[in-house]
Amino acid sequence: MKISDQKKYWKTNLKYLSILLSIWFVVSYGFGIVLVDELNSIRMGGFKLGFWFAQQGSIYVFTILIFVYIKLMNKLDAKYNLDS
């Protein structure tokens, strides 16, 4: 792989990481801490939504983000012929 391709690959990888980590931050910190009082007015499965995001939701979202990252990186690897 050429140097210019390596830079494009790394730049795309960092873009994916930035977006996915931002989503994780918003869900875990924003929904679980900052907006907890507003979300607690909504119930999900008998539990307050703010409580649910703080205890379970952020874990589920983080797990989903891992699989999204895997899919994105597999596509990126294939684009630059790095898949094995």
Protein backbone atom coordinates (compact mmCIF):
# COMPACT_ATOMS: atom_id res chain seq x y z
CA MET A 1 0.00 0.00 0.00
CA LYS A 2 1.28 3.44 -0.94
CA ILE A 3 1.91 6.14 1.65
CA SER A 4 -1.02 8.22 0.36
CA ASP A 5 -3.32 5.19 0.69
CA GLN A 6 -2.05 4.58 4.22
CA LYS A 7 -2.92 8.16 5.16
CA LYS A 8 -6.39 7.88 3.62
CA TYR A 9 -6.95 4.57 5.39
CA TRP A 10 -5.86 5.98 8.75
CA LYS A 11 -7.89 9.17 8.26
CA THR A 12 -11.02 7.14 7.50
CA ASN A 13 -10.36 4.90 10.50
CA LEU A 14 -10.05 7.94 12.79
CA LYS A 15 -13.27 9.38 11.34
CA TYR A 16 -15.11 6.13 12.15
CA LEU A 17 -13.66 6.10 15.66
CA SER A 18 -14.60 9.74 16.28
CA ILE A 19 -18.20 9.25 15.17
CA LEU A 20 -18.71 5.99 17.08
CA LEU A 21 -17.08 7.27 20.27
CA SER A 22 -19.19 10.44 20.06
CA ILE A 23 -22.34 8.33 19.87
CA TRP A 24 -21.16 6.28 22.84
CA PHE A 25 -20.39 9.44 24.82
CA VAL A 26 -23.81 10.97 24.11
CA VAL A 27 -25.61 7.78 25.12
CA SER A 28 -23.58 7.01 28.24
CA TYR A 29 -22.90 10.49 29.58
CA GLY A 30 -25.68 12.50 27.98
CA PHE A 31 -28.58 10.09 28.44
CA GLY A 32 -27.29 8.36 31.58
CA ILE A 33 -26.20 11.44 33.55
CA VAL A 34 -27.08 14.82 32.02
CA LEU A 35 -30.58 14.08 30.71
CA VAL A 36 -31.51 11.48 33.30
CA ASP A 37 -34.23 13.61 34.95
CA GLU A 38 -35.98 14.33 31.64
CA LEU A 39 -35.72 10.70 30.52
CA ASN A 40 -37.00 9.39 33.86
CA SER A 41 -40.43 10.77 32.98
CA ILE A 42 -40.62 7.99 30.33
CA ARG A 43 -40.94 4.35 31.37
CA MET A 44 -39.52 1.37 29.48
CA GLY A 45 -40.33 -2.13 30.66
CA GLY A 46 -41.44 -0.75 34.02
CA PHE A 47 -38.20 1.14 34.56
CA LYS A 48 -37.49 4.82 34.16
CA LEU A 49 -35.75 5.44 30.83
CA GLY A 50 -32.93 7.50 32.38
CA PHE A 51 -32.21 4.69 34.82
CA TRP A 52 -32.34 2.16 31.98
CA PHE A 53 -29.80 4.11 29.89
CA ALA A 54 -27.50 4.47 32.89
CA GLN A 55 -27.67 0.76 33.79
CA GLN A 56 -28.32 -1.18 30.58
CA GLY A 57 -28.81 1.03 27.54
CA SER A 58 -25.27 2.35 27.31
CA ILE A 59 -23.92 -1.21 27.48
CA TYR A 60 -26.24 -2.34 24.67
CA VAL A 61 -25.34 0.67 22.53
CA PHE A 62 -21.62 0.12 23.15
CA THR A 63 -21.93 -3.54 22.09
CA ILE A 64 -23.80 -2.54 18.93
CA LEU A 65 -21.13 0.07 18.18
CA ILE A 66 -18.45 -2.64 18.38
CA PHE A 67 -20.22 -4.65 15.68
CA VAL A 68 -20.76 -1.53 13.56
CA TYR A 69 -17.04 -0.76 13.84
CA ILE A 70 -16.16 -4.31 12.78
CA LYS A 71 -18.41 -4.03 9.73
CA LEU A 72 -17.02 -0.61 8.78
CA MET A 73 -13.42 -1.76 9.17
CA ASN A 74 -14.03 -4.92 7.14
CA LYS A 75 -15.38 -2.75 4.31
CA LEU A 76 -12.43 -0.36 4.66
CA ASP A 77 -9.95 -3.25 4.63
CA ALA A 78 -11.57 -4.64 1.49
CA LYS A 79 -11.42 -1.21 -0.18
CA TYR A 80 -7.66 -1.05 0.38
CA ASN A 81 -7.10 -4.79 -0.29
CA LEU A 82 -6.06 -5.49 3.30
CA ASP A 83 -8.59 -8.23 3.94
CA SER A 84 -7.23 -11.73 4.24
